[in-house]
Amino acid sequence: MHDLDEAHDHFDFADIGPDAVMEDVEGLEMFTLKSVGIDIGSSTSHLVFSQLTLRREGASLSGRFKVTARKVLFRSPILLTPYLSATLIDVEQVKRFIEQAYQEARMHPDEIDTGAVIITGEALKKENAQPIVEYFAKYSGKFICATAGHNHEALLAAEGDEELGLRVYWYGNFFPDMRAWDKLDANVRRGAGGRSVYMQFPYSEVSAHMSVFAAQTYKKAHRHGPGRAIIIPAGEGFSIMWEEGKEKIVVPWHECSLFVPPNRWFHQHFNVGGNNARYLALHPPMQFHGHAEKVEDGAKDQIEYPDEDPFIRKKFEEDLATRGVQSLMPAEAYTDRNYEWSKAMGKQ
């Protein structure tokens, strides 16, 4: 069993619902939310309904909220997690259990402002694990949603399972502080030992992802369709954008910068600051994603380090030199197209 009570150290998140209570307390905004945690574990499953009190941290214009109090409203009985076979969870039995818990708690999904559904251990490896999480996230209210692996459920900071092809998605419409997310998936395809998190907005075609990469490194150039707005939550650096075969444009950025790569323009991100850089990409609806239509053409949408224009590396190293520092890019990355960034670096 995975206890969702006060003993856990939770990531601070909130999803403001229409019934959230707002009031000023000594110049700081404070509000209450009703939340539910649905935990589907290897051997047992249960729900906890709570009332959360959140208060804005720091200055009145701060976007970060912290949970300052939590009151448990109802705990469900413990269910032995049901399986139809060695590869399938019994969805119908889990569904009945959750619906009954809502009834016993005298709650309706519309009353839930925020929460999480997590699936762990052996349950995570079942064939229908991901559809189950997505279904209950939509059924149970306005959710931040994650699938979690071993030892990460308490923080809702799952690293996913590359072997199973799983990616963690968070569902919600209010994410307090993108600078605070520090447990992310390794993003091996884009290089630089980067890490990412993916977000989906309920009842919307819009999604987003945020990537974090280390100081004095840079990502691989790539391109896609139009409509991605890139926001910088933290860091200092620049991006280079260009239409294939045409002049390259350098776009400097820092915290709170915003820029939009044009349709099918290559773009590449460089961190010349002293700390990790973060960029948040807001995605357009699926019809505008604009990736290669054929799998064999996918390589045309990304430029590997050994294949990049020598200007790219030269520009990066010259910019670092003006700051009195050197590139931390490994030499092997420029000679080996299959160079593997260390998993330790990718998941710090």
Protein backbone atom coordinates (compact mmCIF):
# COMPACT_ATOMS: atom_id res chain seq x y z
CA MET A 1 0.00 0.00 0.00
CA HIS A 2 1.19 3.53 -0.78
CA ASP A 3 0.15 6.00 1.90
CA LEU A 4 -0.99 9.33 0.48
CA ASP A 5 -1.33 11.01 3.88
CA GLU A 6 0.72 13.77 5.47
CA ALA A 7 3.77 11.52 5.89
CA HIS A 8 4.50 11.91 2.18
CA ASP A 9 6.56 14.77 0.81
CA HIS A 10 4.45 16.05 -2.08
CA PHE A 11 5.37 18.22 -5.03
CA ASP A 12 3.55 21.52 -4.55
CA PHE A 13 0.90 21.81 -7.23
CA ALA A 14 -2.58 23.26 -7.57
CA ASP A 15 -5.33 23.34 -10.15
CA ILE A 16 -7.75 26.16 -9.36
CA GLY A 17 -11.34 25.03 -9.74
CA PRO A 18 -14.39 27.26 -10.06
CA ASP A 19 -15.31 26.77 -6.40
CA ALA A 20 -11.87 27.57 -5.00
CA VAL A 21 -12.08 30.08 -2.17
CA MET A 22 -9.82 33.14 -2.64
CA GLU A 23 -9.01 35.58 0.12
CA ASP A 24 -6.22 37.94 1.14
CA VAL A 25 -4.26 37.01 4.24
CA GLU A 26 -1.74 39.63 5.36
CA GLY A 27 -1.23 40.68 1.77
CA LEU A 28 -0.85 37.12 0.45
CA GLU A 29 -3.44 35.20 -1.55
CA MET A 30 -4.67 31.96 0.00
CA PHE A 31 -7.23 29.48 -1.25
CA THR A 32 -8.56 25.99 -0.56
CA LEU A 33 -9.01 23.08 -2.94
CA LYS A 34 -10.56 19.63 -2.78
CA SER A 35 -8.20 16.94 -4.01
CA VAL A 36 -8.19 13.20 -4.49
CA GLY A 37 -5.29 10.78 -4.78
CA ILE A 38 -5.93 7.50 -6.58
CA ASP A 39 -3.16 4.97 -6.01
CA ILE A 40 -3.15 1.73 -8.02
CA GLY A 41 -0.27 -0.33 -6.70
CA SER A 42 1.21 -3.74 -7.37
CA SER A 43 -0.81 -5.42 -4.63
CA THR A 44 -3.30 -2.86 -3.30
CA SER A 45 -5.21 0.22 -4.42
CA HIS A 46 -6.97 3.01 -2.52
CA LEU A 47 -8.19 6.62 -2.61
CA VAL A 48 -7.75 9.58 -0.27
CA PHE A 49 -9.90 12.73 -0.48
CA SER A 50 -8.40 15.85 1.08
CA GLN A 51 -8.86 19.57 1.50
CA LEU A 52 -5.73 21.56 0.69
CA THR A 53 -4.93 25.08 1.80
CA LEU A 54 -2.42 26.90 -0.42
CA ARG A 55 -0.78 30.26 -0.01
CA ARG A 56 1.22 32.30 -2.47
CA GLU A 57 4.91 32.40 -1.58
CA GLY A 58 6.97 35.57 -1.42
CA ALA A 59 5.91 38.76 -3.18
CA SER A 60 2.30 39.26 -4.20
CA LEU A 61 3.19 38.80 -7.89
CA SER A 62 4.87 35.44 -7.31
CA GLY A 63 3.42 32.57 -9.32
CA ARG A 64 4.40 29.90 -6.81
CA PHE A 65 1.94 28.45 -4.29
CA LYS A 66 2.76 26.16 -1.39
CA VAL A 67 0.48 23.73 0.41
CA THR A 68 0.34 25.01 3.98
CA ALA A 69 -2.34 22.68 5.40
CA ARG A 70 -3.99 19.41 4.48
CA LYS A 71 -7.08 17.82 6.00
CA VAL A 72 -8.08 14.27 5.10
CA LEU A 73 -11.80 14.18 4.30
CA PHE A 74 -12.21 10.49 3.49
CA ARG A 75 -10.14 7.33 3.08
CA SER A 76 -11.42 4.48 0.97
CA PRO A 77 -11.14 0.84 2.00
CA ILE A 78 -8.12 -1.04 0.67
CA LEU A 79 -8.68 -3.02 -2.54
CA LEU A 80 -6.46 -5.91 -3.57
CA THR A 81 -5.47 -4.73 -7.04
CA PRO A 82 -7.42 -7.00 -9.42
CA TYR A 83 -5.81 -8.61 -12.48
CA LEU A 84 -7.51 -10.39 -15.38
CA SER A 85 -4.26 -12.03 -16.41
CA ALA A 86 -0.52 -11.70 -16.09
CA THR A 87 -0.63 -8.77 -18.52
CA LEU A 88 -3.96 -7.02 -17.81
CA ILE A 89 -5.50 -5.11 -14.90
CA ASP A 90 -9.24 -5.66 -14.34
CA VAL A 91 -10.42 -2.19 -15.39
CA GLU A 92 -14.11 -2.75 -14.63
CA GLN A 93 -13.46 -3.84 -11.04
CA VAL A 94 -11.15 -0.87 -10.43
CA LYS A 95 -13.76 1.42 -11.96
CA ARG A 96 -16.50 0.11 -9.65
CA PHE A 97 -14.20 0.50 -6.66
CA ILE A 98 -13.42 4.12 -7.48
CA GLU A 99 -17.07 5.00 -8.17
CA GLN A 100 -18.06 3.45 -4.84
CA ALA A 101 -15.36 5.43 -3.04
CA TYR A 102 -16.75 8.66 -4.50
CA GLN A 103 -20.23 7.71 -3.30
CA GLU A 104 -19.04 6.85 0.22
CA ALA A 105 -17.08 10.11 0.37
CA ARG A 106 -20.21 11.95 -0.82
CA MET A 107 -18.14 13.53 -3.57
CA HIS A 108 -18.82 14.12 -7.25
CA PRO A 109 -16.01 14.47 -9.82
CA ASP A 110 -17.17 18.02 -10.53
CA GLU A 111 -16.36 18.93 -6.91
CA ILE A 112 -12.71 17.88 -7.27
CA ASP A 113 -10.33 20.75 -8.03
CA THR A 114 -7.06 18.87 -8.30
CA GLY A 115 -5.41 15.55 -7.63
CA ALA A 116 -3.31 12.74 -8.98
CA VAL A 117 -3.74 9.21 -10.20
CA ILE A 118 -0.63 7.10 -9.91
CA ILE A 119 0.10 3.54 -10.90
CA THR A 120 3.16 1.79 -9.54
CA GLY A 121 5.31 -1.32 -9.49
CA GLU A 122 4.07 -4.39 -11.36
CA ALA A 123 0.75 -2.67 -12.14
CA LEU A 124 2.70 -0.11 -14.19
CA LYS A 125 3.99 -2.86 -16.48
CA LYS A 126 0.57 -4.16 -17.52
CA GLU A 127 -0.53 -3.63 -21.11
CA ASN A 128 -3.50 -1.44 -20.17
CA ALA A 129 -1.75 0.64 -17.48
CA GLN A 130 -1.51 3.86 -19.50
CA PRO A 131 -5.16 3.82 -20.75
CA ILE A 132 -6.33 3.19 -17.18
CA VAL A 133 -4.47 6.22 -15.86
CA GLU A 134 -5.76 8.43 -18.67
CA TYR A 135 -9.35 7.24 -18.17
CA PHE A 136 -9.44 7.86 -14.42
CA ALA A 137 -7.70 11.22 -14.84
CA LYS A 138 -10.56 12.36 -17.08
CA TYR A 139 -13.29 10.74 -14.96
CA SER A 140 -12.18 11.92 -11.57
CA GLY A 141 -12.05 15.70 -11.93
CA LYS A 142 -9.56 18.31 -13.07
CA PHE A 143 -6.25 16.50 -12.74
CA ILE A 144 -2.56 16.61 -12.69
CA CYS A 145 -1.91 13.03 -13.74
CA ALA A 146 1.20 10.85 -13.70
CA THR A 147 2.21 7.25 -14.18
CA ALA A 148 4.89 6.48 -11.60
CA GLY A 149 7.65 3.95 -11.23
CA HIS A 150 9.26 2.51 -8.12
CA ASN A 151 10.17 5.03 -5.39
CA HIS A 152 8.84 8.06 -7.31
CA GLU A 153 5.12 7.98 -6.63
CA ALA A 154 5.35 10.11 -3.49
CA LEU A 155 6.74 13.04 -5.45
CA LEU A 156 4.69 12.41 -8.60
CA ALA A 157 7.99 12.75 -10.41
CA ALA A 158 8.15 9.55 -12.39
CA GLU A 159 11.05 8.98 -14.70
CA GLY A 160 9.00 6.69 -16.91
CA ASP A 161 10.27 3.43 -18.28
CA GLU A 162 12.23 3.67 -21.54
CA GLU A 163 12.18 -0.11 -21.92
CA LEU A 164 8.37 -0.13 -21.86
CA GLY A 165 8.12 2.99 -24.03
CA LEU A 166 6.20 4.91 -21.36
CA ARG A 167 6.20 8.68 -21.11
CA VAL A 168 4.94 10.62 -18.11
CA TYR A 169 2.19 13.15 -18.80
CA TRP A 170 0.90 15.63 -16.24
CA TYR A 171 -2.72 16.72 -16.67
CA GLY A 172 -3.93 20.08 -15.34
CA ASN A 173 -4.63 23.72 -16.08
CA PHE A 174 -2.55 25.34 -13.33
CA PHE A 175 1.14 24.58 -12.81
CA PRO A 176 2.51 26.90 -10.09
CA ASP A 177 6.23 27.10 -10.85
CA MET A 178 7.97 25.57 -13.85
CA ARG A 179 11.32 26.44 -12.25
CA ALA A 180 10.66 24.02 -9.38
CA TRP A 181 10.29 20.81 -11.42
CA ASP A 182 13.44 18.78 -10.77
CA LYS A 183 12.49 15.12 -11.34
CA LEU A 184 12.13 14.67 -15.08
CA ASP A 185 12.52 12.13 -17.87
CA ALA A 186 15.87 11.77 -19.58
CA ASN A 187 15.48 13.14 -23.11
CA VAL A 188 18.15 11.15 -24.92
CA ARG A 189 17.13 12.03 -28.49
CA ARG A 190 17.92 15.75 -28.24
CA GLY A 191 21.38 15.43 -26.68
CA ALA A 192 23.12 17.54 -24.01
CA GLY A 193 21.94 15.15 -21.28
CA GLY A 194 18.65 17.01 -21.23
CA ARG A 195 15.54 16.12 -19.23
CA SER A 196 11.92 16.83 -20.05
CA VAL A 197 8.37 16.79 -18.69
CA TYR A 198 5.18 16.66 -20.78
CA MET A 199 1.88 18.34 -19.93
CA GLN A 200 -1.64 17.91 -21.29
CA PHE A 201 -4.45 20.38 -20.65
CA PRO A 202 -7.86 18.78 -19.92
CA TYR A 203 -10.52 19.05 -22.62
CA SER A 204 -8.04 20.82 -24.91
CA GLU A 205 -5.92 19.94 -27.92
CA VAL A 206 -3.12 22.10 -26.55
CA SER A 207 -0.19 20.42 -24.84
CA ALA A 208 3.30 21.46 -23.74
CA HIS A 209 6.66 20.21 -22.66
CA MET A 210 9.55 21.69 -20.72
CA SER A 211 13.19 20.73 -21.22
CA VAL A 212 16.10 21.36 -18.87
CA PHE A 213 19.75 21.17 -19.92
CA ALA A 214 23.08 21.88 -18.28
CA ALA A 215 25.24 25.01 -18.41
CA GLN A 216 27.81 25.24 -21.22
CA THR A 217 26.03 22.65 -23.38
CA TYR A 218 23.61 22.82 -26.29
CA LYS A 219 20.85 20.73 -27.85
CA LYS A 220 20.61 19.21 -31.32
CA ALA A 221 18.98 21.22 -34.09
CA HIS A 222 15.48 20.07 -35.05
CA ARG A 223 12.38 21.32 -36.86
CA HIS A 224 8.63 20.76 -36.92
CA GLY A 225 5.41 22.52 -37.84
CA PRO A 226 4.25 26.02 -36.85
CA GLY A 227 2.72 27.40 -33.70
CA ARG A 228 5.12 26.41 -30.92
CA ALA A 229 5.65 29.29 -28.53
CA ILE A 230 8.90 28.89 -26.56
CA ILE A 231 9.11 30.55 -23.15
CA ILE A 232 12.23 30.66 -20.96
CA PRO A 233 11.39 30.03 -17.25
CA ALA A 234 15.07 30.13 -16.26
CA GLY A 235 18.52 30.44 -17.78
CA GLU A 236 20.59 32.54 -20.15
CA GLY A 237 21.63 31.69 -23.66
CA PHE A 238 20.56 31.90 -27.27
CA SER A 239 18.87 29.90 -29.99
CA ILE A 240 19.81 29.72 -33.66
CA MET A 241 16.97 29.45 -36.18
CA TRP A 242 17.09 29.00 -39.93
CA GLU A 243 15.11 27.82 -42.91
CA GLU A 244 16.92 24.98 -44.66
CA GLY A 245 19.61 26.35 -46.98
CA LYS A 246 19.17 29.95 -45.83
CA GLU A 247 20.79 32.41 -43.41
CA LYS A 248 20.97 31.57 -39.71
CA ILE A 249 19.40 33.95 -37.17
CA VAL A 250 20.67 34.20 -33.57
CA VAL A 251 17.96 34.79 -30.92
CA PRO A 252 19.37 35.76 -27.47
CA TRP A 253 17.22 34.79 -24.48
CA HIS A 254 16.98 35.00 -20.69
CA GLU A 255 14.30 34.42 -18.06
CA CYS A 256 10.83 35.44 -19.36
CA SER A 257 11.92 35.59 -23.02
CA LEU A 258 9.48 34.30 -25.64
CA PHE A 259 10.03 33.42 -29.30
CA VAL A 260 8.30 31.34 -31.98
CA PRO A 261 10.26 29.31 -34.58
CA PRO A 262 8.57 29.64 -38.01
CA ASN A 263 7.10 26.64 -39.78
CA ARG A 264 9.72 23.99 -40.61
CA TRP A 265 12.65 26.17 -39.55
CA PHE A 266 15.48 24.39 -37.80
CA HIS A 267 16.17 25.72 -34.31
CA GLN A 268 18.82 24.88 -31.74
CA HIS A 269 19.15 25.93 -28.09
CA PHE A 270 22.42 26.95 -26.35
CA ASN A 271 22.99 27.44 -22.61
CA VAL A 272 25.83 29.90 -21.99
CA GLY A 273 24.85 30.75 -18.41
CA GLY A 274 26.20 29.35 -15.18
CA ASN A 275 23.16 27.22 -14.27
CA ASN A 276 20.69 24.84 -15.88
CA ALA A 277 18.50 26.44 -18.54
CA ARG A 278 14.80 25.67 -19.03
CA TYR A 279 12.59 26.21 -22.03
CA LEU A 280 8.84 25.63 -22.07
CA ALA A 281 7.30 24.86 -25.46
CA LEU A 282 3.55 25.33 -25.86
CA HIS A 283 2.35 22.96 -28.61
CA PRO A 284 -0.36 23.72 -31.15
CA PRO A 285 -3.15 21.22 -31.98
CA MET A 286 -1.99 17.93 -33.51
CA GLN A 287 -2.74 18.93 -37.12
CA PHE A 288 0.00 21.57 -36.93
CA HIS A 289 2.76 19.40 -35.48
CA GLY A 290 4.38 19.10 -38.90
CA HIS A 291 6.79 16.20 -38.38
CA ALA A 292 7.94 14.04 -41.29
CA GLU A 293 5.06 11.92 -42.55
CA LYS A 294 7.19 8.82 -43.15
CA VAL A 295 9.28 7.15 -40.47
CA GLU A 296 12.30 6.95 -42.77
CA ASP A 297 12.17 10.75 -43.19
CA GLY A 298 12.38 11.41 -39.46
CA ALA A 299 16.16 11.89 -39.63
CA LYS A 300 15.59 14.89 -41.88
CA ASP A 301 13.96 16.74 -38.96
CA GLN A 302 16.99 16.55 -36.64
CA ILE A 303 20.68 17.31 -37.24
CA GLU A 304 23.15 15.18 -35.30
CA TYR A 305 26.23 16.88 -33.83
CA PRO A 306 28.70 15.32 -36.33
CA ASP A 307 26.55 16.63 -39.21
CA GLU A 308 26.01 20.20 -38.04
CA ASP A 309 27.41 23.31 -39.73
CA PRO A 310 30.87 24.12 -38.22
CA PHE A 311 29.50 27.62 -37.57
CA ILE A 312 27.28 26.21 -34.81
CA ARG A 313 30.07 24.89 -32.59
CA LYS A 314 32.31 27.89 -33.40
CA LYS A 315 29.60 30.40 -32.41
CA PHE A 316 28.90 28.55 -29.15
CA GLU A 317 32.55 28.29 -28.09
CA GLU A 318 33.27 31.92 -28.99
CA ASP A 319 30.32 33.11 -26.92
CA LEU A 320 31.50 31.07 -23.94
CA ALA A 321 35.03 32.44 -24.33
CA THR A 322 33.75 36.01 -23.89
CA ARG A 323 32.46 34.86 -20.50
CA GLY A 324 35.73 33.21 -19.50
CA VAL A 325 34.40 29.64 -19.60
CA GLN A 326 34.70 26.65 -21.93
CA SER A 327 32.26 24.23 -23.54
CA LEU A 328 31.34 21.12 -21.56
CA MET A 329 30.27 19.26 -24.68
CA PRO A 330 32.14 15.91 -24.87
CA ALA A 331 34.43 15.57 -27.88
CA GLU A 332 32.95 12.15 -28.68
CA ALA A 333 29.56 13.73 -29.37
CA TYR A 334 31.03 15.38 -32.48
CA THR A 335 32.41 12.16 -33.95
CA ASP A 336 29.97 9.43 -32.92
CA ARG A 337 26.38 9.77 -34.21
CA ASN A 338 25.31 7.11 -31.71
CA TYR A 339 27.02 8.75 -28.76
CA GLU A 340 25.04 8.01 -25.58
CA TRP A 341 24.86 10.71 -22.96
CA SER A 342 25.25 9.19 -19.53
CA LYS A 343 21.94 8.26 -17.90
CA ALA A 344 23.30 9.66 -14.66
CA MET A 345 23.59 13.08 -16.29
CA GLY A 346 20.19 12.78 -17.92
CA LYS A 347 18.31 11.96 -14.70
CA GLN A 348 20.00 14.09 -12.07
